[in-house]
N, C-alpha and C. Protein backbone atom coordinates (compact mmCIF):
# COMPACT_ATOMS: atom_id res chain seq x y z
N MET A 1 0.82 -1.19 0.00
CA MET A 1 0.00 0.00 0.00
C MET A 1 0.87 1.26 0.00
N LYS A 2 1.98 1.21 0.73
CA LYS A 2 2.88 2.35 0.79
C LYS A 2 3.45 2.66 -0.59
N ILE A 3 3.75 1.63 -1.35
CA ILE A 3 4.28 1.81 -2.71
C ILE A 3 3.24 2.48 -3.59
N ILE A 4 2.00 2.05 -3.49
CA ILE A 4 0.93 2.63 -4.30
C ILE A 4 0.75 4.11 -3.96
N LYS A 5 0.77 4.44 -2.68
CA LYS A 5 0.65 5.84 -2.27
C LYS A 5 1.82 6.66 -2.80
N SER A 6 3.01 6.10 -2.76
CA SER A 6 4.19 6.80 -3.26
C SER A 6 4.09 7.02 -4.76
N LEU A 7 3.67 5.99 -5.48
CA LEU A 7 3.50 6.13 -6.93
C LEU A 7 2.44 7.16 -7.28
N PHE A 8 1.34 7.16 -6.53
CA PHE A 8 0.29 8.13 -6.76
C PHE A 8 0.78 9.56 -6.49
N ALA A 9 1.50 9.74 -5.40
CA ALA A 9 2.05 11.07 -5.08
C ALA A 9 3.03 11.52 -6.15
N PHE A 10 3.87 10.60 -6.62
CA PHE A 10 4.84 10.89 -7.66
C PHE A 10 4.13 11.30 -8.95
N ALA A 11 3.12 10.53 -9.35
CA ALA A 11 2.37 10.83 -10.59
C ALA A 11 1.64 12.16 -10.48
N THR A 12 1.05 12.41 -9.32
CA THR A 12 0.34 13.67 -9.11
C THR A 12 1.28 14.86 -9.19
N TYR A 13 2.43 14.74 -8.56
CA TYR A 13 3.41 15.82 -8.59
C TYR A 13 3.82 16.15 -10.02
N PHE A 14 4.18 15.13 -10.80
CA PHE A 14 4.66 15.39 -12.15
C PHE A 14 3.55 15.80 -13.10
N SER A 15 2.34 15.34 -12.88
CA SER A 15 1.25 15.79 -13.74
C SER A 15 0.95 17.26 -13.50
N GLU A 16 1.09 17.71 -12.25
CA GLU A 16 0.87 19.12 -11.95
C GLU A 16 2.00 19.98 -12.47
N LYS A 17 3.21 19.45 -12.51
CA LYS A 17 4.38 20.23 -12.90
C LYS A 17 4.71 20.13 -14.38
N SER A 18 4.07 19.21 -15.10
CA SER A 18 4.46 18.98 -16.48
C SER A 18 3.99 20.09 -17.41
N LEU A 19 2.91 20.75 -17.10
CA LEU A 19 2.41 21.82 -17.94
C LEU A 19 2.36 23.11 -17.13
N PRO A 20 2.70 24.22 -17.77
CA PRO A 20 2.62 25.47 -17.03
C PRO A 20 1.16 25.83 -16.77
N ALA A 21 0.92 26.48 -15.67
CA ALA A 21 -0.43 26.94 -15.38
C ALA A 21 -0.86 27.91 -16.46
N PRO A 22 -2.13 27.84 -16.89
CA PRO A 22 -2.58 28.75 -17.94
C PRO A 22 -2.35 30.21 -17.60
N SER A 23 -2.34 30.52 -16.33
CA SER A 23 -2.17 31.92 -15.94
C SER A 23 -0.77 32.45 -16.26
N LEU A 24 0.20 31.56 -16.46
CA LEU A 24 1.55 32.01 -16.85
C LEU A 24 1.46 32.87 -18.10
N TYR A 25 0.77 32.38 -19.12
CA TYR A 25 0.69 33.10 -20.38
C TYR A 25 -0.22 34.32 -20.29
N GLU A 26 -1.13 34.32 -19.32
CA GLU A 26 -1.96 35.50 -19.10
C GLU A 26 -1.15 36.58 -18.40
N LYS A 27 -0.27 36.17 -17.50
CA LYS A 27 0.52 37.12 -16.73
C LYS A 27 1.71 37.66 -17.51
N TRP A 28 2.28 36.84 -18.36
CA TRP A 28 3.51 37.21 -19.07
C TRP A 28 3.27 37.04 -20.56
N THR A 29 2.71 38.07 -21.17
CA THR A 29 2.30 37.98 -22.58
C THR A 29 3.48 37.82 -23.53
N ASP A 30 4.65 38.33 -23.16
CA ASP A 30 5.81 38.18 -24.04
C ASP A 30 6.24 36.72 -24.16
N ILE A 31 6.14 35.97 -23.08
CA ILE A 31 6.50 34.55 -23.15
C ILE A 31 5.43 33.79 -23.92
N LYS A 32 4.20 34.26 -23.87
CA LYS A 32 3.13 33.62 -24.65
C LYS A 32 3.40 33.79 -26.14
N ALA A 33 3.80 34.97 -26.56
CA ALA A 33 4.10 35.21 -27.97
C ALA A 33 5.26 34.33 -28.43
N TYR A 34 6.26 34.18 -27.59
CA TYR A 34 7.40 33.31 -27.89
C TYR A 34 6.93 31.86 -27.99
N GLN A 35 6.11 31.44 -27.05
CA GLN A 35 5.61 30.07 -27.00
C GLN A 35 4.80 29.73 -28.25
N GLU A 36 4.03 30.67 -28.74
CA GLU A 36 3.21 30.41 -29.92
C GLU A 36 4.09 30.07 -31.13
N ILE A 37 5.22 30.73 -31.25
CA ILE A 37 6.14 30.44 -32.36
C ILE A 37 6.87 29.13 -32.12
N ILE A 38 7.35 28.92 -30.92
CA ILE A 38 8.11 27.70 -30.63
C ILE A 38 7.21 26.47 -30.77
N ALA A 39 5.94 26.61 -30.42
CA ALA A 39 5.01 25.48 -30.52
C ALA A 39 4.81 25.04 -31.97
N LYS A 40 4.87 25.99 -32.89
CA LYS A 40 4.73 25.65 -34.31
C LYS A 40 5.89 24.80 -34.82
N THR A 41 7.04 24.95 -34.20
CA THR A 41 8.23 24.25 -34.70
C THR A 41 8.40 22.87 -34.07
N PHE A 42 7.62 22.58 -33.06
CA PHE A 42 7.79 21.35 -32.31
C PHE A 42 6.54 20.49 -32.49
N GLN A 43 6.65 19.47 -33.32
CA GLN A 43 5.50 18.64 -33.63
C GLN A 43 5.86 17.18 -33.41
N ASN A 44 4.96 16.46 -32.76
CA ASN A 44 5.16 15.03 -32.50
C ASN A 44 6.51 14.75 -31.85
N LYS A 45 6.86 15.57 -30.87
CA LYS A 45 8.10 15.43 -30.10
C LYS A 45 9.35 15.57 -30.95
N GLU A 46 9.23 16.18 -32.09
CA GLU A 46 10.37 16.41 -32.97
C GLU A 46 10.36 17.85 -33.45
N VAL A 47 11.54 18.39 -33.67
CA VAL A 47 11.66 19.73 -34.23
C VAL A 47 11.38 19.65 -35.72
N ASN A 48 10.50 20.50 -36.21
CA ASN A 48 10.24 20.59 -37.63
C ASN A 48 11.27 21.56 -38.20
N LEU A 49 12.29 21.02 -38.85
CA LEU A 49 13.42 21.85 -39.31
C LEU A 49 12.99 22.93 -40.29
N LYS A 50 12.06 22.60 -41.15
CA LYS A 50 11.59 23.60 -42.12
C LYS A 50 11.00 24.81 -41.39
N LEU A 51 10.19 24.53 -40.37
CA LEU A 51 9.57 25.63 -39.62
C LEU A 51 10.56 26.38 -38.74
N ILE A 52 11.52 25.65 -38.15
CA ILE A 52 12.51 26.36 -37.32
C ILE A 52 13.35 27.27 -38.20
N LYS A 53 13.66 26.82 -39.41
CA LYS A 53 14.45 27.65 -40.32
C LYS A 53 13.67 28.89 -40.75
N SER A 54 12.39 28.71 -41.04
CA SER A 54 11.61 29.86 -41.51
C SER A 54 11.20 30.80 -40.37
N ASN A 55 11.23 30.31 -39.13
CA ASN A 55 10.79 31.14 -38.00
C ASN A 55 11.92 31.58 -37.07
N SER A 56 13.16 31.25 -37.39
CA SER A 56 14.25 31.56 -36.46
C SER A 56 14.39 33.07 -36.22
N LYS A 57 14.21 33.86 -37.26
CA LYS A 57 14.32 35.31 -37.09
C LYS A 57 13.18 35.84 -36.21
N ILE A 58 11.99 35.31 -36.39
CA ILE A 58 10.85 35.72 -35.58
C ILE A 58 11.08 35.34 -34.12
N LEU A 59 11.67 34.16 -33.90
CA LEU A 59 11.99 33.75 -32.53
C LEU A 59 12.97 34.72 -31.87
N VAL A 60 13.96 35.15 -32.63
CA VAL A 60 14.92 36.11 -32.10
C VAL A 60 14.21 37.42 -31.74
N GLU A 61 13.33 37.87 -32.61
CA GLU A 61 12.59 39.10 -32.33
C GLU A 61 11.76 38.97 -31.06
N HIS A 62 11.10 37.82 -30.91
CA HIS A 62 10.30 37.60 -29.70
C HIS A 62 11.19 37.45 -28.47
N SER A 63 12.35 36.82 -28.64
CA SER A 63 13.24 36.67 -27.47
C SER A 63 13.81 38.02 -27.05
N ASP A 64 13.97 38.93 -28.00
CA ASP A 64 14.44 40.28 -27.65
C ASP A 64 13.43 41.01 -26.76
N CYS A 65 12.16 40.65 -26.88
CA CYS A 65 11.12 41.27 -26.05
C CYS A 65 11.06 40.68 -24.64
N LEU A 66 11.66 39.50 -24.48
CA LEU A 66 11.68 38.86 -23.16
C LEU A 66 12.73 39.54 -22.30
N SER A 67 12.28 40.12 -21.23
CA SER A 67 13.21 40.82 -20.34
C SER A 67 12.73 40.70 -18.90
N VAL A 68 13.62 41.01 -18.00
CA VAL A 68 13.26 41.00 -16.59
C VAL A 68 12.16 42.04 -16.35
N GLU A 69 12.24 43.15 -17.04
CA GLU A 69 11.26 44.22 -16.87
C GLU A 69 9.86 43.78 -17.30
N SER A 70 9.78 42.95 -18.35
CA SER A 70 8.47 42.50 -18.82
C SER A 70 7.97 41.28 -18.05
N MET A 71 8.84 40.68 -17.27
CA MET A 71 8.50 39.48 -16.49
C MET A 71 7.67 39.89 -15.27
N PRO A 72 6.57 39.19 -15.01
CA PRO A 72 5.81 39.49 -13.79
C PRO A 72 6.68 39.36 -12.55
N GLN A 73 6.44 40.20 -11.60
CA GLN A 73 7.26 40.27 -10.39
C GLN A 73 7.40 38.91 -9.70
N GLU A 74 6.31 38.13 -9.66
CA GLU A 74 6.37 36.87 -8.92
C GLU A 74 7.30 35.83 -9.54
N PHE A 75 7.67 36.03 -10.82
CA PHE A 75 8.58 35.10 -11.48
C PHE A 75 10.04 35.53 -11.38
N ARG A 76 10.26 36.72 -10.91
CA ARG A 76 11.64 37.26 -10.87
C ARG A 76 12.43 36.63 -9.73
N ASN A 77 13.26 35.69 -10.10
CA ASN A 77 14.19 35.10 -9.14
C ASN A 77 15.47 34.77 -9.91
N PRO A 78 16.57 34.66 -9.23
CA PRO A 78 17.85 34.48 -9.93
C PRO A 78 17.89 33.29 -10.90
N LYS A 79 17.30 32.17 -10.51
CA LYS A 79 17.33 30.98 -11.36
C LYS A 79 16.54 31.20 -12.66
N LEU A 80 15.38 31.81 -12.54
CA LEU A 80 14.55 32.06 -13.72
C LEU A 80 15.19 33.12 -14.62
N ILE A 81 15.75 34.14 -14.02
CA ILE A 81 16.41 35.18 -14.81
C ILE A 81 17.60 34.59 -15.57
N LYS A 82 18.38 33.76 -14.91
CA LYS A 82 19.52 33.11 -15.57
C LYS A 82 19.04 32.22 -16.73
N THR A 83 17.98 31.47 -16.51
CA THR A 83 17.44 30.60 -17.56
C THR A 83 16.89 31.42 -18.72
N LEU A 84 16.30 32.56 -18.42
CA LEU A 84 15.81 33.45 -19.48
C LEU A 84 16.96 33.94 -20.35
N LEU A 85 18.06 34.31 -19.73
CA LEU A 85 19.23 34.74 -20.50
C LEU A 85 19.77 33.61 -21.37
N ILE A 86 19.74 32.40 -20.85
CA ILE A 86 20.18 31.24 -21.63
C ILE A 86 19.24 31.02 -22.81
N LEU A 87 17.94 31.18 -22.59
CA LEU A 87 16.96 31.04 -23.67
C LEU A 87 17.24 32.03 -24.79
N LYS A 88 17.48 33.28 -24.41
CA LYS A 88 17.76 34.31 -25.40
C LYS A 88 19.03 33.96 -26.19
N LYS A 89 20.05 33.49 -25.49
CA LYS A 89 21.30 33.10 -26.14
C LYS A 89 21.08 31.92 -27.08
N ASN A 90 20.36 30.90 -26.61
CA ASN A 90 20.10 29.72 -27.42
C ASN A 90 19.27 30.05 -28.66
N THR A 91 18.36 30.99 -28.52
CA THR A 91 17.55 31.42 -29.66
C THR A 91 18.44 32.04 -30.74
N LYS A 92 19.38 32.86 -30.31
CA LYS A 92 20.29 33.49 -31.26
C LYS A 92 21.22 32.46 -31.90
N VAL A 93 21.63 31.46 -31.14
CA VAL A 93 22.49 30.40 -31.69
C VAL A 93 21.75 29.67 -32.81
N VAL A 94 20.50 29.32 -32.57
CA VAL A 94 19.71 28.62 -33.61
C VAL A 94 19.61 29.50 -34.85
N HIS A 95 19.29 30.76 -34.65
CA HIS A 95 19.16 31.67 -35.80
C HIS A 95 20.49 31.81 -36.56
N GLU A 96 21.58 31.93 -35.84
CA GLU A 96 22.90 32.03 -36.50
C GLU A 96 23.22 30.77 -37.30
N LEU A 97 22.87 29.61 -36.77
CA LEU A 97 23.08 28.36 -37.51
C LEU A 97 22.24 28.32 -38.78
N VAL A 98 21.00 28.79 -38.67
CA VAL A 98 20.13 28.85 -39.85
C VAL A 98 20.72 29.81 -40.89
N GLU A 99 21.15 30.97 -40.42
CA GLU A 99 21.71 31.99 -41.32
C GLU A 99 22.95 31.49 -42.05
N LYS A 100 23.80 30.75 -41.37
CA LYS A 100 25.03 30.28 -42.03
C LYS A 100 24.83 28.94 -42.73
N LYS A 101 23.54 28.50 -42.78
CA LYS A 101 23.18 27.27 -43.48
C LYS A 101 23.94 26.06 -42.94
N ALA A 102 23.95 25.94 -41.63
CA ALA A 102 24.57 24.80 -40.96
C ALA A 102 23.80 23.53 -41.32
N SER A 103 24.38 22.41 -41.00
CA SER A 103 23.72 21.14 -41.31
C SER A 103 22.43 21.00 -40.50
N ASP A 104 21.53 20.19 -41.04
CA ASP A 104 20.27 19.95 -40.34
C ASP A 104 20.51 19.37 -38.96
N SER A 105 21.49 18.50 -38.83
CA SER A 105 21.75 17.89 -37.52
C SER A 105 22.22 18.94 -36.50
N GLU A 106 23.03 19.90 -36.93
CA GLU A 106 23.47 20.97 -36.02
C GLU A 106 22.29 21.83 -35.59
N ILE A 107 21.44 22.17 -36.56
CA ILE A 107 20.27 23.00 -36.25
C ILE A 107 19.32 22.25 -35.34
N LYS A 108 19.12 20.97 -35.60
CA LYS A 108 18.23 20.16 -34.76
C LYS A 108 18.76 20.08 -33.33
N MET A 109 20.05 19.83 -33.18
CA MET A 109 20.62 19.74 -31.82
C MET A 109 20.45 21.07 -31.08
N ALA A 110 20.73 22.17 -31.74
CA ALA A 110 20.59 23.49 -31.11
C ALA A 110 19.12 23.77 -30.79
N SER A 111 18.22 23.36 -31.67
CA SER A 111 16.79 23.56 -31.44
C SER A 111 16.30 22.73 -30.27
N ASP A 112 16.81 21.51 -30.14
CA ASP A 112 16.44 20.67 -29.00
C ASP A 112 16.86 21.32 -27.69
N VAL A 113 18.05 21.89 -27.67
CA VAL A 113 18.53 22.60 -26.47
C VAL A 113 17.63 23.80 -26.19
N LEU A 114 17.28 24.52 -27.24
CA LEU A 114 16.41 25.69 -27.10
C LEU A 114 15.06 25.30 -26.50
N ILE A 115 14.46 24.25 -27.02
CA ILE A 115 13.16 23.82 -26.52
C ILE A 115 13.26 23.34 -25.08
N ASP A 116 14.33 22.62 -24.76
CA ASP A 116 14.53 22.19 -23.37
C ASP A 116 14.64 23.40 -22.43
N THR A 117 15.32 24.42 -22.88
CA THR A 117 15.47 25.63 -22.07
C THR A 117 14.12 26.32 -21.89
N PHE A 118 13.33 26.37 -22.95
CA PHE A 118 12.00 26.97 -22.85
C PHE A 118 11.14 26.21 -21.84
N TYR A 119 11.17 24.90 -21.91
CA TYR A 119 10.38 24.10 -20.97
C TYR A 119 10.88 24.29 -19.54
N LYS A 120 12.16 24.51 -19.38
CA LYS A 120 12.69 24.77 -18.04
C LYS A 120 12.10 26.07 -17.49
N ILE A 121 11.97 27.07 -18.34
CA ILE A 121 11.37 28.34 -17.92
C ILE A 121 9.93 28.12 -17.48
N THR A 122 9.15 27.40 -18.28
CA THR A 122 7.76 27.18 -17.91
C THR A 122 7.66 26.36 -16.63
N GLU A 123 8.57 25.43 -16.46
CA GLU A 123 8.59 24.64 -15.22
C GLU A 123 8.92 25.53 -14.02
N LEU A 124 9.92 26.38 -14.17
CA LEU A 124 10.27 27.28 -13.06
C LEU A 124 9.13 28.24 -12.72
N CYS A 125 8.40 28.68 -13.74
CA CYS A 125 7.26 29.56 -13.50
C CYS A 125 6.15 28.82 -12.78
N SER A 126 5.93 27.56 -13.15
CA SER A 126 4.85 26.80 -12.52
C SER A 126 5.14 26.49 -11.06
N ILE A 127 6.43 26.40 -10.72
CA ILE A 127 6.81 26.18 -9.32
C ILE A 127 6.47 27.40 -8.49
N VAL A 128 6.63 28.58 -9.07
CA VAL A 128 6.37 29.84 -8.37
C VAL A 128 4.86 30.03 -8.14
N GLU A 129 4.07 29.63 -9.13
CA GLU A 129 2.63 29.89 -9.06
C GLU A 129 1.94 29.11 -7.99
């Protein structure tokens, strides 16, 4: 019985933490705009290279709007701010790879890192909420 309770608690914890609370995007509209573009590039757990290539400049533009000043006060903490800076850097790396016509595998690897960083931000925000 103890194992079942532990498994249930574990499943409940991760189901609550796996998706950001809807209010995140209501509170921080700049991250919502970024998310809308990133969601288009990520389909069936894979990066759609054609879409990442065509949207990399737009992602950079949206990442430029992401700032501590535009972030809701309750999300402002050192870990989230550091992750936001990493997201902005990773977004520029993907765009630079697209611009220099790097191999698909290089762009995919950089895009995977970018998406992981984005999910880390949403996870950190959901912990705060």
